[in-house]
Amino acid sequence: MSKTYCLAGLRVGWIASSDRELLGRIERLKHYLSICNAGPSERLALIALRARDRILARNRALLAANLGALQDFFARHADRFSWYQPDAGCVMYPRYRGAEGVERWTARLVERAGVLLLPATVYHSELTPVPADRFRIGYGRADFPAGLAALETSL
C-alpha cells in the first residue's frame, strides 16, 4: 500500500513467493514483530483497494508530471548529476557528480535548504554493493515540485 497507493503510514502489504522456506521465515518474523495488523490500517487499506482505479489514475498522473520535472532538472544540471529514467516506481537513485561527494552534499542540503535526500551509503544490501555516489529521491508526492525547487535553489 505504501508506494502504489501512497499510503506508507498504513504499514499494510502482502508478499507472494513460491519459496515456502522464505515465506516461513517471513511469517515467523512477522509474528515476532506483531500479532496482527492495526484494525484501522486494514480498514483504510480496504477503502483504498475499493477505490483502486481512481487512486492509481491520480498517482500515475502525479508521477508522470513529477518525472517530467525531474527530466528538466537533470537536463539543466547534467554537470552535477547523471541518472536514467526508471521503468516504474516512485523512487530513484541518481548519481551525484559534485566534487564534495554525496555524503557532504546531502548533509549540507538538509542543513541549509531543509531538503532531505539520503545518500546511498545509509542503505545496505546483501545482494549487491551499494554505490557510494548515489542518493535516494522519491517523486511520488503532490508537493514534490516545491521540494525540487528548493533543491534547485540550493545549487
N, C-alpha and C. Protein backbone atom coordinates (compact mmCIF):
# COMPACT_ATOMS: atom_id res chain seq x y z
N MET A 1 0.82 -1.20 0.00
CA MET A 1 0.00 0.00 0.00
C MET A 1 0.86 1.26 0.00
N SER A 2 2.12 1.13 0.40
CA SER A 2 2.93 2.34 0.58
C SER A 2 3.25 3.06 -0.71
N LYS A 3 3.82 2.41 -1.68
CA LYS A 3 4.26 3.10 -2.88
C LYS A 3 3.12 3.28 -3.89
N THR A 4 2.47 2.22 -4.27
CA THR A 4 1.45 2.28 -5.31
C THR A 4 0.27 3.16 -4.91
N TYR A 5 -0.15 3.05 -3.66
CA TYR A 5 -1.32 3.80 -3.21
C TYR A 5 -0.96 5.05 -2.41
N CYS A 6 0.33 5.30 -2.23
CA CYS A 6 0.80 6.46 -1.45
C CYS A 6 0.27 6.44 -0.02
N LEU A 7 0.25 5.27 0.58
CA LEU A 7 -0.26 5.11 1.94
C LEU A 7 0.77 4.42 2.83
N ALA A 8 1.98 4.97 2.85
CA ALA A 8 3.08 4.33 3.58
C ALA A 8 2.81 4.20 5.08
N GLY A 9 2.08 5.11 5.65
CA GLY A 9 1.82 5.08 7.08
C GLY A 9 0.97 3.91 7.53
N LEU A 10 0.27 3.28 6.62
CA LEU A 10 -0.60 2.17 7.00
C LEU A 10 0.18 0.92 7.39
N ARG A 11 1.31 0.69 6.79
CA ARG A 11 2.13 -0.49 7.05
C ARG A 11 1.34 -1.78 6.84
N VAL A 12 0.63 -1.81 5.73
CA VAL A 12 -0.13 -3.00 5.33
C VAL A 12 0.37 -3.40 3.95
N GLY A 13 0.65 -4.68 3.77
CA GLY A 13 1.11 -5.14 2.48
C GLY A 13 1.09 -6.65 2.42
N TRP A 14 1.44 -7.18 1.28
CA TRP A 14 1.40 -8.63 1.07
C TRP A 14 2.66 -9.07 0.38
N ILE A 15 3.01 -10.31 0.60
CA ILE A 15 4.17 -10.91 -0.07
C ILE A 15 3.71 -12.18 -0.75
N ALA A 16 4.11 -12.34 -2.00
CA ALA A 16 3.81 -13.56 -2.75
C ALA A 16 5.13 -14.17 -3.19
N SER A 17 5.29 -15.46 -2.92
CA SER A 17 6.51 -16.15 -3.31
C SER A 17 6.24 -17.64 -3.41
N SER A 18 6.93 -18.31 -4.31
CA SER A 18 6.83 -19.76 -4.39
C SER A 18 7.86 -20.43 -3.48
N ASP A 19 8.71 -19.63 -2.85
CA ASP A 19 9.73 -20.15 -1.93
C ASP A 19 9.11 -20.32 -0.54
N ARG A 20 8.68 -21.54 -0.24
CA ARG A 20 7.97 -21.80 1.01
C ARG A 20 8.86 -21.58 2.24
N GLU A 21 10.15 -21.88 2.11
CA GLU A 21 11.05 -21.65 3.24
C GLU A 21 11.15 -20.15 3.55
N LEU A 22 11.29 -19.35 2.50
CA LEU A 22 11.33 -17.90 2.68
C LEU A 22 10.05 -17.40 3.33
N LEU A 23 8.91 -17.85 2.83
CA LEU A 23 7.63 -17.43 3.41
C LEU A 23 7.53 -17.83 4.88
N GLY A 24 8.03 -19.00 5.23
CA GLY A 24 8.03 -19.43 6.63
C GLY A 24 8.87 -18.51 7.50
N ARG A 25 10.05 -18.13 7.01
CA ARG A 25 10.91 -17.23 7.77
C ARG A 25 10.25 -15.86 7.92
N ILE A 26 9.65 -15.38 6.86
CA ILE A 26 8.97 -14.08 6.91
C ILE A 26 7.80 -14.14 7.90
N GLU A 27 7.05 -15.23 7.86
CA GLU A 27 5.90 -15.37 8.77
C GLU A 27 6.37 -15.38 10.23
N ARG A 28 7.45 -16.09 10.53
CA ARG A 28 7.96 -16.12 11.90
C ARG A 28 8.40 -14.72 12.34
N LEU A 29 9.07 -14.00 11.46
CA LEU A 29 9.49 -12.65 11.79
C LEU A 29 8.29 -11.73 12.00
N LYS A 30 7.29 -11.87 11.15
CA LYS A 30 6.07 -11.06 11.28
C LYS A 30 5.40 -11.33 12.62
N HIS A 31 5.30 -12.60 13.01
CA HIS A 31 4.68 -12.93 14.30
C HIS A 31 5.51 -12.42 15.47
N TYR A 32 6.81 -12.34 15.27
CA TYR A 32 7.68 -11.79 16.32
C TYR A 32 7.44 -10.29 16.47
N LEU A 33 7.23 -9.61 15.36
CA LEU A 33 7.07 -8.15 15.39
C LEU A 33 5.69 -7.71 15.81
N SER A 34 4.66 -8.48 15.42
CA SER A 34 3.30 -8.10 15.77
C SER A 34 2.37 -9.31 15.64
N ILE A 35 1.32 -9.29 16.40
CA ILE A 35 0.36 -10.38 16.32
C ILE A 35 -0.56 -10.19 15.12
N CYS A 36 -0.96 -8.94 14.90
CA CYS A 36 -1.84 -8.66 13.78
C CYS A 36 -1.67 -7.21 13.34
N ASN A 37 -2.19 -6.91 12.18
CA ASN A 37 -2.18 -5.53 11.71
C ASN A 37 -3.14 -4.69 12.54
N ALA A 38 -2.93 -3.39 12.51
CA ALA A 38 -3.85 -2.48 13.17
C ALA A 38 -5.17 -2.47 12.41
N GLY A 39 -6.27 -2.64 13.12
CA GLY A 39 -7.59 -2.66 12.50
C GLY A 39 -7.88 -1.44 11.64
N PRO A 40 -7.62 -0.21 12.14
CA PRO A 40 -7.87 0.97 11.30
C PRO A 40 -7.04 0.96 10.01
N SER A 41 -5.81 0.47 10.08
CA SER A 41 -4.98 0.41 8.87
C SER A 41 -5.56 -0.57 7.87
N GLU A 42 -6.02 -1.71 8.34
CA GLU A 42 -6.64 -2.69 7.44
C GLU A 42 -7.89 -2.10 6.79
N ARG A 43 -8.68 -1.37 7.57
CA ARG A 43 -9.91 -0.76 7.04
C ARG A 43 -9.59 0.29 5.97
N LEU A 44 -8.59 1.14 6.26
CA LEU A 44 -8.18 2.16 5.30
C LEU A 44 -7.60 1.52 4.03
N ALA A 45 -6.86 0.44 4.18
CA ALA A 45 -6.33 -0.27 3.01
C ALA A 45 -7.47 -0.81 2.16
N LEU A 46 -8.50 -1.35 2.79
CA LEU A 46 -9.65 -1.87 2.07
C LEU A 46 -10.37 -0.75 1.31
N ILE A 47 -10.52 0.40 1.95
CA ILE A 47 -11.14 1.54 1.28
C ILE A 47 -10.32 1.93 0.04
N ALA A 48 -9.00 1.97 0.18
CA ALA A 48 -8.14 2.31 -0.95
C ALA A 48 -8.24 1.27 -2.05
N LEU A 49 -8.27 0.00 -1.70
CA LEU A 49 -8.38 -1.04 -2.72
C LEU A 49 -9.69 -0.95 -3.48
N ARG A 50 -10.74 -0.57 -2.79
CA ARG A 50 -12.05 -0.41 -3.47
C ARG A 50 -12.06 0.81 -4.39
N ALA A 51 -11.21 1.79 -4.11
CA ALA A 51 -11.12 2.99 -4.95
C ALA A 51 -9.88 2.92 -5.85
N ARG A 52 -9.44 1.73 -6.10
CA ARG A 52 -8.19 1.46 -6.83
C ARG A 52 -8.04 2.27 -8.11
N ASP A 53 -9.02 2.20 -8.99
CA ASP A 53 -8.91 2.86 -10.30
C ASP A 53 -8.68 4.36 -10.16
N ARG A 54 -9.44 5.00 -9.28
CA ARG A 54 -9.32 6.44 -9.09
C ARG A 54 -7.96 6.81 -8.48
N ILE A 55 -7.55 6.06 -7.46
CA ILE A 55 -6.28 6.35 -6.79
C ILE A 55 -5.11 6.13 -7.73
N LEU A 56 -5.11 5.01 -8.44
CA LEU A 56 -3.99 4.71 -9.33
C LEU A 56 -3.91 5.69 -10.49
N ALA A 57 -5.04 6.12 -11.03
CA ALA A 57 -5.03 7.12 -12.11
C ALA A 57 -4.43 8.43 -11.59
N ARG A 58 -4.83 8.85 -10.41
CA ARG A 58 -4.29 10.07 -9.81
C ARG A 58 -2.79 9.94 -9.61
N ASN A 59 -2.35 8.81 -9.06
CA ASN A 59 -0.93 8.63 -8.76
C ASN A 59 -0.09 8.53 -10.02
N ARG A 60 -0.62 7.88 -11.06
CA ARG A 60 0.12 7.81 -12.33
C ARG A 60 0.30 9.20 -12.94
N ALA A 61 -0.74 10.01 -12.88
CA ALA A 61 -0.65 11.38 -13.41
C ALA A 61 0.36 12.20 -12.60
N LEU A 62 0.33 12.04 -11.30
CA LEU A 62 1.27 12.75 -10.43
C LEU A 62 2.71 12.33 -10.73
N LEU A 63 2.94 11.04 -10.86
CA LEU A 63 4.29 10.54 -11.17
C LEU A 63 4.76 11.04 -12.54
N ALA A 64 3.90 11.03 -13.51
CA ALA A 64 4.28 11.50 -14.85
C ALA A 64 4.68 12.97 -14.81
N ALA A 65 3.92 13.78 -14.12
CA ALA A 65 4.24 15.21 -14.02
C ALA A 65 5.56 15.41 -13.27
N ASN A 66 5.73 14.71 -12.17
CA ASN A 66 6.95 14.86 -11.38
C ASN A 66 8.17 14.31 -12.12
N LEU A 67 7.99 13.25 -12.87
CA LEU A 67 9.09 12.71 -13.66
C LEU A 67 9.49 13.69 -14.75
N GLY A 68 8.51 14.35 -15.35
CA GLY A 68 8.82 15.39 -16.34
C GLY A 68 9.64 16.52 -15.73
N ALA A 69 9.28 16.92 -14.52
CA ALA A 69 10.04 17.96 -13.82
C ALA A 69 11.47 17.49 -13.54
N LEU A 70 11.62 16.21 -13.18
CA LEU A 70 12.96 15.67 -12.94
C LEU A 70 13.78 15.62 -14.23
N GLN A 71 13.15 15.25 -15.33
CA GLN A 71 13.86 15.23 -16.61
C GLN A 71 14.43 16.62 -16.92
N ASP A 72 13.61 17.64 -16.74
CA ASP A 72 14.05 19.01 -16.99
C ASP A 72 15.17 19.41 -16.03
N PHE A 73 15.00 19.06 -14.75
CA PHE A 73 16.00 19.38 -13.73
C PHE A 73 17.35 18.75 -14.07
N PHE A 74 17.34 17.45 -14.36
CA PHE A 74 18.60 16.76 -14.66
C PHE A 74 19.22 17.25 -15.96
N ALA A 75 18.42 17.66 -16.91
CA ALA A 75 18.96 18.22 -18.15
C ALA A 75 19.67 19.55 -17.87
N ARG A 76 19.11 20.36 -16.98
CA ARG A 76 19.74 21.64 -16.63
C ARG A 76 21.02 21.45 -15.81
N HIS A 77 21.14 20.32 -15.12
CA HIS A 77 22.27 20.11 -14.21
C HIS A 77 23.04 18.83 -14.54
N ALA A 78 23.24 18.60 -15.83
CA ALA A 78 23.93 17.38 -16.26
C ALA A 78 25.38 17.34 -15.79
N ASP A 79 25.94 18.49 -15.44
CA ASP A 79 27.31 18.52 -14.92
C ASP A 79 27.39 17.98 -13.49
N ARG A 80 26.30 18.04 -12.75
CA ARG A 80 26.29 17.58 -11.35
C ARG A 80 25.66 16.21 -11.13
N PHE A 81 24.78 15.81 -12.05
CA PHE A 81 24.04 14.56 -11.84
C PHE A 81 24.04 13.72 -13.10
N SER A 82 24.02 12.42 -12.90
CA SER A 82 23.70 11.51 -14.00
C SER A 82 22.60 10.59 -13.50
N TRP A 83 21.72 10.20 -14.41
CA TRP A 83 20.57 9.40 -14.00
C TRP A 83 20.03 8.67 -15.19
N TYR A 84 19.16 7.76 -14.93
CA TYR A 84 18.38 7.14 -16.00
C TYR A 84 16.95 7.08 -15.54
N GLN A 85 16.06 7.22 -16.48
CA GLN A 85 14.64 7.23 -16.14
C GLN A 85 14.22 5.83 -15.70
N PRO A 86 13.62 5.73 -14.52
CA PRO A 86 13.20 4.42 -14.04
C PRO A 86 12.06 3.84 -14.89
N ASP A 87 12.00 2.54 -14.95
CA ASP A 87 10.94 1.86 -15.70
C ASP A 87 9.60 1.98 -15.00
N ALA A 88 9.64 2.06 -13.68
CA ALA A 88 8.41 2.13 -12.88
C ALA A 88 8.78 2.63 -11.49
N GLY A 89 7.78 2.82 -10.67
CA GLY A 89 8.01 3.19 -9.28
C GLY A 89 8.06 4.69 -9.07
N CYS A 90 8.35 5.07 -7.83
CA CYS A 90 8.36 6.47 -7.45
C CYS A 90 9.65 6.86 -6.73
N VAL A 91 10.66 6.00 -6.82
CA VAL A 91 11.94 6.24 -6.16
C VAL A 91 13.05 5.97 -7.17
N MET A 92 14.11 6.78 -7.12
CA MET A 92 15.26 6.54 -7.98
C MET A 92 16.53 6.88 -7.22
N TYR A 93 17.64 6.46 -7.77
CA TYR A 93 18.96 6.68 -7.16
C TYR A 93 19.92 7.31 -8.17
N PRO A 94 19.79 8.62 -8.39
CA PRO A 94 20.70 9.29 -9.32
C PRO A 94 22.12 9.35 -8.74
N ARG A 95 23.06 9.59 -9.62
CA ARG A 95 24.46 9.75 -9.22
C ARG A 95 24.74 11.24 -9.03
N TYR A 96 25.39 11.57 -7.91
CA TYR A 96 25.84 12.94 -7.67
C TYR A 96 27.30 13.03 -8.09
N ARG A 97 27.62 14.00 -8.95
CA ARG A 97 28.96 14.11 -9.51
C ARG A 97 29.74 15.30 -8.97
N GLY A 98 29.20 15.95 -7.94
CA GLY A 98 29.88 17.12 -7.37
C GLY A 98 31.17 16.74 -6.66
N ALA A 99 32.08 17.70 -6.59
CA ALA A 99 33.42 17.45 -6.04
C ALA A 99 33.40 17.09 -4.56
N GLU A 100 32.43 17.62 -3.79
CA GLU A 100 32.44 17.37 -2.35
C GLU A 100 31.92 16.00 -1.97
N GLY A 101 31.33 15.29 -2.89
CA GLY A 101 30.81 13.95 -2.60
C GLY A 101 29.38 14.01 -2.09
N VAL A 102 28.69 12.90 -2.26
CA VAL A 102 27.26 12.84 -1.96
C VAL A 102 26.97 12.97 -0.46
N GLU A 103 27.82 12.41 0.40
CA GLU A 103 27.59 12.50 1.85
C GLU A 103 27.60 13.95 2.31
N ARG A 104 28.62 14.65 1.94
CA ARG A 104 28.76 16.05 2.36
C ARG A 104 27.67 16.91 1.73
N TRP A 105 27.38 16.67 0.46
CA TRP A 105 26.35 17.45 -0.23
C TRP A 105 24.98 17.26 0.41
N THR A 106 24.58 16.03 0.69
CA THR A 106 23.25 15.80 1.28
C THR A 106 23.17 16.36 2.69
N ALA A 107 24.26 16.30 3.46
CA ALA A 107 24.26 16.89 4.80
C ALA A 107 24.08 18.40 4.72
N ARG A 108 24.81 19.02 3.82
CA ARG A 108 24.69 20.47 3.63
C ARG A 108 23.30 20.85 3.12
N LEU A 109 22.75 20.03 2.25
CA LEU A 109 21.44 20.29 1.67
C LEU A 109 20.35 20.34 2.74
N VAL A 110 20.36 19.40 3.65
CA VAL A 110 19.32 19.39 4.69
C VAL A 110 19.53 20.53 5.69
N GLU A 111 20.79 20.84 6.00
CA GLU A 111 21.08 21.92 6.95
C GLU A 111 20.72 23.29 6.39
N ARG A 112 21.03 23.53 5.14
CA ARG A 112 20.87 24.87 4.56
C ARG A 112 19.55 25.08 3.85
N ALA A 113 19.01 24.03 3.23
CA ALA A 113 17.80 24.21 2.42
C ALA A 113 16.60 23.46 2.97
N GLY A 114 16.82 22.60 3.98
CA GLY A 114 15.71 21.83 4.53
C GLY A 114 15.22 20.72 3.62
N VAL A 115 16.06 20.32 2.67
CA VAL A 115 15.72 19.24 1.74
C VAL A 115 16.46 17.99 2.17
N LEU A 116 15.72 16.94 2.49
CA LEU A 116 16.32 15.70 2.95
C LEU A 116 16.40 14.69 1.81
N LEU A 117 17.62 14.41 1.38
CA LEU A 117 17.90 13.35 0.43
C LEU A 117 18.88 12.41 1.13
N LEU A 118 18.63 11.12 1.05
CA LEU A 118 19.50 10.17 1.73
C LEU A 118 20.57 9.64 0.79
N PRO A 119 21.84 9.73 1.21
CA PRO A 119 22.89 9.14 0.38
C PRO A 119 22.76 7.63 0.42
N ALA A 120 23.17 7.00 -0.66
CA ALA A 120 23.03 5.54 -0.76
C ALA A 120 23.81 4.81 0.31
N THR A 121 24.78 5.45 0.91
CA THR A 121 25.58 4.80 1.94
C THR A 121 24.79 4.46 3.20
N VAL A 122 23.61 5.02 3.37
CA VAL A 122 22.80 4.66 4.54
C VAL A 122 22.05 3.35 4.31
N TYR A 123 22.09 2.83 3.10
CA TYR A 123 21.42 1.58 2.77
C TYR A 123 22.43 0.45 2.76
N HIS A 124 21.93 -0.76 2.91
CA HIS A 124 22.77 -1.95 2.90
C HIS A 124 22.06 -3.02 2.09
N SER A 125 22.82 -3.76 1.32
CA SER A 125 22.24 -4.84 0.54
C SER A 125 23.13 -6.07 0.63
N GLU A 126 22.50 -7.20 0.88
CA GLU A 126 23.22 -8.48 0.83
C GLU A 126 23.41 -8.92 -0.61
N LEU A 127 22.65 -8.35 -1.54
CA LEU A 127 22.64 -8.81 -2.92
C LEU A 127 23.69 -8.15 -3.80
N THR A 128 23.99 -6.90 -3.53
CA THR A 128 24.88 -6.16 -4.42
C THR A 128 25.55 -5.01 -3.67
N PRO A 129 26.70 -4.57 -4.10
CA PRO A 129 27.31 -3.40 -3.46
C PRO A 129 26.44 -2.16 -3.65
N VAL A 130 26.48 -1.27 -2.68
CA VAL A 130 25.72 -0.03 -2.75
C VAL A 130 26.68 1.07 -3.20
N PRO A 131 26.43 1.69 -4.35
CA PRO A 131 27.34 2.74 -4.85
C PRO A 131 27.39 3.92 -3.89
N ALA A 132 28.58 4.42 -3.63
CA ALA A 132 28.76 5.50 -2.65
C ALA A 132 28.46 6.88 -3.22
N ASP A 133 28.19 6.99 -4.50
CA ASP A 133 27.99 8.31 -5.10
C ASP A 133 26.54 8.59 -5.49
N ARG A 134 25.63 7.80 -4.96
CA ARG A 134 24.21 7.97 -5.32
C ARG A 134 23.39 8.42 -4.12
N PHE A 135 22.20 8.94 -4.43
CA PHE A 135 21.28 9.36 -3.37
C PHE A 135 19.88 8.94 -3.77
N ARG A 136 19.03 8.82 -2.78
CA ARG A 136 17.65 8.40 -2.99
C ARG A 136 16.77 9.63 -3.12
N ILE A 137 15.93 9.62 -4.14
CA ILE A 137 14.94 10.69 -4.29
C ILE A 137 13.60 10.06 -4.66
N GLY A 138 12.61 10.39 -3.86
CA GLY A 138 11.25 9.93 -4.14
C GLY A 138 10.48 11.05 -4.81
N TYR A 139 9.69 10.71 -5.81
CA TYR A 139 8.98 11.76 -6.54
C TYR A 139 7.49 11.46 -6.66
N GLY A 140 6.94 10.83 -5.65
CA GLY A 140 5.54 10.45 -5.68
C GLY A 140 4.60 11.34 -4.87
N ARG A 141 5.07 12.49 -4.45
CA ARG A 141 4.24 13.37 -3.63
C ARG A 141 3.69 14.55 -4.43
N ALA A 142 2.55 15.02 -4.01
CA ALA A 142 1.94 16.18 -4.67
C ALA A 142 2.78 17.43 -4.47
N ASP A 143 3.48 17.54 -3.35
CA ASP A 143 4.30 18.72 -3.09
C ASP A 143 5.73 18.58 -3.61
N PHE A 144 5.97 17.59 -4.45
CA PHE A 144 7.31 17.37 -4.99
C PHE A 144 7.88 18.59 -5.72
N PRO A 145 7.11 19.30 -6.54
CA PRO A 145 7.68 20.47 -7.23
C PRO A 145 8.30 21.50 -6.28
N ALA A 146 7.70 21.70 -5.12
CA ALA A 146 8.26 22.65 -4.14
C ALA A 146 9.60 22.14 -3.61
N GLY A 147 9.68 20.84 -3.34
CA GLY A 147 10.95 20.27 -2.88
C GLY A 147 12.03 20.34 -3.95
N LEU A 148 11.65 20.08 -5.19
CA LEU A 148 12.61 20.15 -6.29
C LEU A 148 13.08 21.60 -6.49
N ALA A 149 12.17 22.53 -6.33
CA ALA A 149 12.55 23.95 -6.45
C ALA A 149 13.54 24.34 -5.34
N ALA A 150 13.30 23.86 -4.12
CA ALA A 150 14.24 24.14 -3.02
C ALA A 150 15.59 23.50 -3.30
N LEU A 151 15.58 22.31 -3.85
CA LEU A 151 16.83 21.64 -4.22
C LEU A 151 17.57 22.46 -5.27
N GLU A 152 16.86 22.89 -6.28
CA GLU A 152 17.50 23.67 -7.35
C GLU A 152 18.03 25.01 -6.83
N THR A 153 17.29 25.67 -5.96
CA THR A 153 17.73 26.93 -5.39
C THR A 153 19.03 26.73 -4.60
N SER A 154 19.14 25.60 -3.93
CA SER A 154 20.35 25.34 -3.12
C SER A 154 21.58 25.09 -3.97
N LEU A 155 21.39 24.73 -5.23
CA LEU A 155 22.54 24.51 -6.11
C LEU A 155 23.14 25.86 -6.47
